[in-house]
Amino acid sequence: MVCGGFACSKNALCALNVVYMLVGLLLIGVAAWARGLGLVSSIHIIGGVIVVGVFLLLIAVAGLYMIILGLVFIFQFGISCSCLAINLSKQTDVINASWWVMSNKTRDELERSFDCCGLFNLTTLDQQDFAFCTAICKSRSPTCQMCGEKFLKHSDEALKILGGVGLFFSFTEILGMWLAMRFRNQKDPRANPSAFL
């Protein structure tokens, strides 16, 4: 049996299916973890990563390739580059905008779960927000770590992981398209020789 033949292409596609299932689950898991932090729920990129992960998982389960995989490559590559391109100042802007849109109850829950008070201490509103903080750290010492610093750390970490994993595996999709095209144009040696391709 020659590598590059029908059986080799078939086995490579099966292995690639398993890898895509794992990558889809990994993308969904990491994005859900990042969204579960509560901070990045307003970042649409994380929702896009979850959609790409679900779509990749469905493609792997159904075994559909070529054109669909090409579309997934384009979307996944774009979203991964977006995750890696968001710098700290943009993340700060998003966090700041979403903080003031949240209800007081949500802010209070985030402060308690992250054990922090206020956002960035930049304005009078931040100082008022700090005064009403009910986090445990405020009872232990007069100064607590600002929530914005903790949020930036977690969101930056989540975006780097999502971007890196998505970018790496987006290039394997090109390999999958090539293998699918090659497999489609090969004849099964066990089949009837006079059968139509």
C-alpha atoms as a PDB file:
ATOM      1  CA  MET A   1       0.000   0.000   0.000  1.00  0.00           C
ATOM      2  CA  VAL A   2       1.456   3.320  -1.053  1.00  0.00           C
ATOM      3  CA  CYS A   3       1.092   6.394   1.098  1.00  0.00           C
ATOM      4  CA  GLY A   4      -0.879   8.910  -0.920  1.00  0.00           C
ATOM      5  CA  GLY A   5      -3.120   6.206  -2.266  1.00  0.00           C
ATOM      6  CA  PHE A   6      -6.806   5.705  -1.613  1.00  0.00           C
ATOM      7  CA  ALA A   7      -6.445   4.061   1.821  1.00  0.00           C
ATOM      8  CA  CYS A   8      -3.908   6.629   3.001  1.00  0.00           C
ATOM      9  CA  SER A   9      -6.152   9.533   1.939  1.00  0.00           C
ATOM     10  CA  LYS A  10      -9.145   7.885   3.591  1.00  0.00           C
ATOM     11  CA  ASN A  11      -7.264   7.329   6.864  1.00  0.00           C
ATOM     12  CA  ALA A  12      -5.866  10.870   6.792  1.00  0.00           C
ATOM     13  CA  LEU A  13      -9.375  12.297   6.365  1.00  0.00           C
ATOM     14  CA  CYS A  14     -10.658  10.165   9.252  1.00  0.00           C
ATOM     15  CA  ALA A  15      -7.807  11.375  11.471  1.00  0.00           C
ATOM     16  CA  LEU A  16      -8.446  14.962  10.403  1.00  0.00           C
ATOM     17  CA  ASN A  17     -12.140  14.515  11.298  1.00  0.00           C
ATOM     18  CA  VAL A  18     -11.174  13.487  14.814  1.00  0.00           C
ATOM     19  CA  VAL A  19      -8.775  16.442  15.114  1.00  0.00           C
ATOM     20  CA  TYR A  20     -11.494  18.850  13.908  1.00  0.00           C
ATOM     21  CA  MET A  21     -13.948  17.455  16.445  1.00  0.00           C
ATOM     22  CA  LEU A  22     -11.409  18.061  19.209  1.00  0.00           C
ATOM     23  CA  VAL A  23     -10.572  21.553  17.903  1.00  0.00           C
ATOM     24  CA  GLY A  24     -14.266  22.440  17.689  1.00  0.00           C
ATOM     25  CA  LEU A  25     -14.807  21.306  21.275  1.00  0.00           C
ATOM     26  CA  LEU A  26     -11.671  23.175  22.382  1.00  0.00           C
ATOM     27  CA  LEU A  27     -12.791  26.411  20.712  1.00  0.00           C
ATOM     28  CA  ILE A  28     -16.256  26.113  22.224  1.00  0.00           C
ATOM     29  CA  GLY A  29     -14.830  25.319  25.671  1.00  0.00           C
ATOM     30  CA  VAL A  30     -12.292  28.150  25.776  1.00  0.00           C
ATOM     31  CA  ALA A  31     -14.769  30.680  24.404  1.00  0.00           C
ATOM     32  CA  ALA A  32     -17.448  29.553  26.868  1.00  0.00           C
ATOM     33  CA  TRP A  33     -14.898  29.825  29.692  1.00  0.00           C
ATOM     34  CA  ALA A  34     -14.069  33.377  28.591  1.00  0.00           C
ATOM     35  CA  ARG A  35     -17.736  34.273  28.296  1.00  0.00           C
ATOM     36  CA  GLY A  36     -18.412  32.666  31.674  1.00  0.00           C
ATOM     37  CA  LEU A  37     -16.142  35.209  33.303  1.00  0.00           C
ATOM     38  CA  GLY A  38     -19.000  37.648  32.845  1.00  0.00           C
ATOM     39  CA  LEU A  39     -16.653  40.359  31.706  1.00  0.00           C
ATOM     40  CA  VAL A  40     -16.356  39.506  28.041  1.00  0.00           C
ATOM     41  CA  SER A  41     -20.017  38.737  27.428  1.00  0.00           C
ATOM     42  CA  SER A  42     -20.299  41.866  25.312  1.00  0.00           C
ATOM     43  CA  ILE A  43     -17.344  41.079  23.066  1.00  0.00           C
ATOM     44  CA  HIS A  44     -18.848  39.779  19.825  1.00  0.00           C
ATOM     45  CA  ILE A  45     -15.598  38.074  18.840  1.00  0.00           C
ATOM     46  CA  ILE A  46     -16.023  35.442  21.549  1.00  0.00           C
ATOM     47  CA  GLY A  47     -19.514  34.706  20.251  1.00  0.00           C
ATOM     48  CA  GLY A  48     -17.997  34.368  16.779  1.00  0.00           C
ATOM     49  CA  VAL A  49     -15.428  31.880  18.071  1.00  0.00           C
ATOM     50  CA  ILE A  50     -18.185  29.796  19.652  1.00  0.00           C
ATOM     51  CA  VAL A  51     -20.097  29.801  16.349  1.00  0.00           C
ATOM     52  CA  VAL A  52     -16.970  28.761  14.416  1.00  0.00           C
ATOM     53  CA  GLY A  53     -16.303  25.990  16.949  1.00  0.00           C
ATOM     54  CA  VAL A  54     -19.867  24.655  16.656  1.00  0.00           C
ATOM     55  CA  PHE A  55     -19.746  24.890  12.865  1.00  0.00           C
ATOM     56  CA  LEU A  56     -16.370  23.097  12.749  1.00  0.00           C
ATOM     57  CA  LEU A  57     -17.724  20.393  15.028  1.00  0.00           C
ATOM     58  CA  LEU A  58     -20.773  19.908  12.788  1.00  0.00           C
ATOM     59  CA  ILE A  59     -18.606  19.716   9.682  1.00  0.00           C
ATOM     60  CA  ALA A  60     -16.368  17.110  11.322  1.00  0.00           C
ATOM     61  CA  VAL A  61     -19.345  15.037  12.461  1.00  0.00           C
ATOM     62  CA  ALA A  62     -21.017  15.199   9.042  1.00  0.00           C
ATOM     63  CA  GLY A  63     -17.736  14.729   7.160  1.00  0.00           C
ATOM     64  CA  LEU A  64     -18.460  17.630   4.782  1.00  0.00           C
ATOM     65  CA  TYR A  65     -15.400  19.373   3.422  1.00  0.00           C
ATOM     66  CA  MET A  66     -13.970  21.434   0.569  1.00  0.00           C
ATOM     67  CA  ILE A  67     -16.240  24.459   0.024  1.00  0.00           C
ATOM     68  CA  ILE A  68     -17.651  24.524   3.558  1.00  0.00           C
ATOM     69  CA  LEU A  69     -14.190  24.056   5.043  1.00  0.00           C
ATOM     70  CA  GLY A  70     -12.909  26.888   2.864  1.00  0.00           C
ATOM     71  CA  LEU A  71     -15.598  29.190   4.252  1.00  0.00           C
ATOM     72  CA  VAL A  72     -14.792  28.119   7.808  1.00  0.00           C
ATOM     73  CA  PHE A  73     -11.111  28.840   7.118  1.00  0.00           C
ATOM     74  CA  ILE A  74     -11.929  32.395   6.026  1.00  0.00           C
ATOM     75  CA  PHE A  75     -14.140  33.092   9.059  1.00  0.00           C
ATOM     76  CA  GLN A  76     -11.850  31.374  11.556  1.00  0.00           C
ATOM     77  CA  PHE A  77      -8.764  33.109  10.191  1.00  0.00           C
ATOM     78  CA  GLY A  78     -10.475  36.502  10.381  1.00  0.00           C
ATOM     79  CA  ILE A  79     -11.800  36.000  13.901  1.00  0.00           C
ATOM     80  CA  SER A  80      -8.465  34.633  15.126  1.00  0.00           C
ATOM     81  CA  CYS A  81      -6.604  37.617  13.714  1.00  0.00           C
ATOM     82  CA  SER A  82      -9.173  39.910  15.365  1.00  0.00           C
ATOM     83  CA  CYS A  83      -8.641  38.211  18.727  1.00  0.00           C
ATOM     84  CA  LEU A  84      -4.882  38.640  18.452  1.00  0.00           C
ATOM     85  CA  ALA A  85      -5.113  42.222  17.163  1.00  0.00           C
ATOM     86  CA  ILE A  86      -7.168  43.680  20.018  1.00  0.00           C
ATOM     87  CA  ASN A  87      -4.690  45.648  22.112  1.00  0.00           C
ATOM     88  CA  LEU A  88      -5.063  46.605  25.770  1.00  0.00           C
ATOM     89  CA  SER A  89      -6.430  50.070  25.031  1.00  0.00           C
ATOM     90  CA  LYS A  90      -9.263  48.603  22.910  1.00  0.00           C
ATOM     91  CA  GLN A  91      -9.961  46.012  25.603  1.00  0.00           C
ATOM     92  CA  THR A  92     -10.039  48.824  28.169  1.00  0.00           C
ATOM     93  CA  ASP A  93     -12.533  50.735  26.028  1.00  0.00           C
ATOM     94  CA  VAL A  94     -14.785  47.676  25.692  1.00  0.00           C
ATOM     95  CA  ILE A  95     -14.593  46.893  29.407  1.00  0.00           C
ATOM     96  CA  ASN A  96     -15.263  50.507  30.340  1.00  0.00           C
ATOM     97  CA  ALA A  97     -18.245  50.752  27.965  1.00  0.00           C
ATOM     98  CA  SER A  98     -19.764  47.469  29.140  1.00  0.00           C
ATOM     99  CA  TRP A  99     -19.214  48.289  32.847  1.00  0.00           C
ATOM    100  CA  TRP A 100     -21.414  51.364  32.727  1.00  0.00           C
ATOM    101  CA  VAL A 101     -24.138  49.571  30.760  1.00  0.00           C
ATOM    102  CA  MET A 102     -24.408  46.814  33.384  1.00  0.00           C
ATOM    103  CA  SER A 103     -26.966  46.960  36.123  1.00  0.00           C
ATOM    104  CA  ASN A 104     -25.809  47.711  39.675  1.00  0.00           C
ATOM    105  CA  LYS A 105     -26.659  44.134  40.653  1.00  0.00           C
ATOM    106  CA  THR A 106     -24.409  42.703  37.914  1.00  0.00           C
ATOM    107  CA  ARG A 107     -21.555  45.033  38.891  1.00  0.00           C
ATOM    108  CA  ASP A 108     -21.966  44.023  42.528  1.00  0.00           C
ATOM    109  CA  GLU A 109     -21.883  40.320  41.605  1.00  0.00           C
ATOM    110  CA  LEU A 110     -18.727  40.807  39.531  1.00  0.00           C
ATOM    111  CA  GLU A 111     -17.031  42.726  42.336  1.00  0.00           C
ATOM    112  CA  ARG A 112     -17.816  39.969  44.800  1.00  0.00           C
ATOM    113  CA  SER A 113     -16.821  37.105  42.495  1.00  0.00           C
ATOM    114  CA  PHE A 114     -13.522  38.756  41.423  1.00  0.00           C
ATOM    115  CA  ASP A 115     -12.920  40.245  44.906  1.00  0.00           C
ATOM    116  CA  CYS A 116     -12.279  43.751  43.578  1.00  0.00           C
ATOM    117  CA  CYS A 117     -13.832  47.205  43.779  1.00  0.00           C
ATOM    118  CA  GLY A 118     -14.554  49.808  41.112  1.00  0.00           C
ATOM    119  CA  LEU A 119     -13.326  49.732  37.559  1.00  0.00           C
ATOM    120  CA  PHE A 120     -10.298  51.894  36.781  1.00  0.00           C
ATOM    121  CA  ASN A 121     -10.669  54.800  39.262  1.00  0.00           C
ATOM    122  CA  LEU A 122     -10.577  57.343  36.456  1.00  0.00           C
ATOM    123  CA  THR A 123     -13.704  59.388  37.100  1.00  0.00           C
ATOM    124  CA  THR A 124     -15.990  60.542  39.873  1.00  0.00           C
ATOM    125  CA  LEU A 125     -18.380  57.738  38.912  1.00  0.00           C
ATOM    126  CA  ASP A 126     -15.625  55.193  39.566  1.00  0.00           C
ATOM    127  CA  GLN A 127     -15.011  56.675  43.003  1.00  0.00           C
ATOM    128  CA  GLN A 128     -18.735  56.528  43.805  1.00  0.00           C
ATOM    129  CA  ASP A 129     -18.830  52.954  42.525  1.00  0.00           C
ATOM    130  CA  PHE A 130     -15.889  52.117  44.817  1.00  0.00           C
ATOM    131  CA  ALA A 131     -17.727  53.616  47.796  1.00  0.00           C
ATOM    132  CA  PHE A 132     -20.699  51.244  47.335  1.00  0.00           C
ATOM    133  CA  CYS A 133     -18.519  48.145  46.791  1.00  0.00           C
ATOM    134  CA  THR A 134     -19.409  45.061  48.868  1.00  0.00           C
ATOM    135  CA  ALA A 135     -16.419  42.874  47.979  1.00  0.00           C
ATOM    136  CA  ILE A 136     -14.626  40.994  50.764  1.00  0.00           C
ATOM    137  CA  CYS A 137     -11.308  42.727  50.041  1.00  0.00           C
ATOM    138  CA  LYS A 138     -12.791  46.069  51.151  1.00  0.00           C
ATOM    139  CA  SER A 139     -13.437  44.718  54.644  1.00  0.00           C
ATOM    140  CA  ARG A 140      -9.867  43.370  54.909  1.00  0.00           C
ATOM    141  CA  SER A 141      -8.059  46.529  53.827  1.00  0.00           C
ATOM    142  CA  PRO A 142      -8.976  50.093  52.841  1.00  0.00           C
ATOM    143  CA  THR A 143      -7.690  49.566  49.286  1.00  0.00           C
ATOM    144  CA  CYS A 144      -8.826  46.834  46.939  1.00  0.00           C
ATOM    145  CA  GLN A 145      -7.486  45.936  43.556  1.00  0.00           C
ATOM    146  CA  MET A 146      -9.482  47.607  40.796  1.00  0.00           C
ATOM    147  CA  CYS A 147     -11.766  45.269  38.843  1.00  0.00           C
ATOM    148  CA  GLY A 148     -10.613  46.693  35.518  1.00  0.00           C
ATOM    149  CA  GLU A 149      -7.093  45.377  36.100  1.00  0.00           C
ATOM    150  CA  LYS A 150      -8.377  41.873  36.831  1.00  0.00           C
ATOM    151  CA  PHE A 151     -10.769  41.981  33.875  1.00  0.00           C
ATOM    152  CA  LEU A 152      -7.984  43.086  31.530  1.00  0.00           C
ATOM    153  CA  LYS A 153      -5.785  40.213  32.673  1.00  0.00           C
ATOM    154  CA  HIS A 154      -8.512  37.619  32.088  1.00  0.00           C
ATOM    155  CA  SER A 155      -9.784  39.046  28.806  1.00  0.00           C
ATOM    156  CA  ASP A 156      -6.280  39.422  27.375  1.00  0.00           C
ATOM    157  CA  GLU A 157      -5.482  35.823  28.318  1.00  0.00           C
ATOM    158  CA  ALA A 158      -8.740  34.514  26.814  1.00  0.00           C
ATOM    159  CA  LEU A 159      -8.300  36.471  23.571  1.00  0.00           C
ATOM    160  CA  LYS A 160      -4.688  35.297  23.145  1.00  0.00           C
ATOM    161  CA  ILE A 161      -5.684  31.659  23.695  1.00  0.00           C
ATOM    162  CA  LEU A 162      -8.656  31.897  21.338  1.00  0.00           C
ATOM    163  CA  GLY A 163      -6.663  33.715  18.683  1.00  0.00           C
ATOM    164  CA  GLY A 164      -3.668  31.378  18.848  1.00  0.00           C
ATOM    165  CA  VAL A 165      -5.668  28.154  18.789  1.00  0.00           C
ATOM    166  CA  GLY A 166      -7.959  29.418  16.038  1.00  0.00           C
ATOM    167  CA  LEU A 167      -5.098  30.681  13.890  1.00  0.00           C
ATOM    168  CA  PHE A 168      -3.079  27.491  14.227  1.00  0.00           C
ATOM    169  CA  PHE A 169      -5.952  25.208  13.338  1.00  0.00           C
ATOM    170  CA  SER A 170      -7.278  27.413  10.554  1.00  0.00           C
ATOM    171  CA  PHE A 171      -4.278  26.378   8.482  1.00  0.00           C
ATOM    172  CA  THR A 172      -5.050  22.685   9.002  1.00  0.00           C
ATOM    173  CA  GLU A 173      -8.337  23.361   7.236  1.00  0.00           C
ATOM    174  CA  ILE A 174      -6.409  24.048   4.030  1.00  0.00           C
ATOM    175  CA  LEU A 175      -4.852  20.585   4.440  1.00  0.00           C
ATOM    176  CA  GLY A 176      -8.350  19.154   4.938  1.00  0.00           C
ATOM    177  CA  MET A 177      -9.610  20.774   1.728  1.00  0.00           C
ATOM    178  CA  TRP A 178      -6.650  19.385  -0.216  1.00  0.00           C
ATOM    179  CA  LEU A 179      -7.118  15.874   1.243  1.00  0.00           C
ATOM    180  CA  ALA A 180     -10.844  15.935   0.511  1.00  0.00           C
ATOM    181  CA  MET A 181     -10.262  17.024  -3.079  1.00  0.00           C
ATOM    182  CA  ARG A 182      -7.585  14.371  -3.541  1.00  0.00           C
ATOM    183  CA  PHE A 183      -9.748  11.642  -1.971  1.00  0.00           C
ATOM    184  CA  ARG A 184     -12.717  12.651  -4.111  1.00  0.00           C
ATOM    185  CA  ASN A 185     -10.689  12.238  -7.303  1.00  0.00           C
ATOM    186  CA  GLN A 186      -9.163   8.868  -6.409  1.00  0.00           C
ATOM    187  CA  LYS A 187     -10.614   5.536  -7.333  1.00  0.00           C
ATOM    188  CA  ASP A 188     -11.180   2.863  -4.703  1.00  0.00           C
ATOM    189  CA  PRO A 189      -8.964  -0.086  -5.682  1.00  0.00           C
ATOM    190  CA  ARG A 190     -11.489  -2.532  -4.204  1.00  0.00           C
ATOM    191  CA  ALA A 191     -14.287  -1.158  -6.370  1.00  0.00           C
ATOM    192  CA  ASN A 192     -15.321  -2.404  -9.782  1.00  0.00           C
ATOM    193  CA  PRO A 193     -12.672  -1.162 -12.258  1.00  0.00           C
ATOM    194  CA  SER A 194     -15.298  -0.226 -14.815  1.00  0.00           C
ATOM    195  CA  ALA A 195     -17.296   1.840 -12.278  1.00  0.00           C
ATOM    196  CA  PHE A 196     -17.618   5.571 -12.883  1.00  0.00           C
ATOM    197  CA  LEU A 197     -15.591   7.820 -10.550  1.00  0.00           C
END
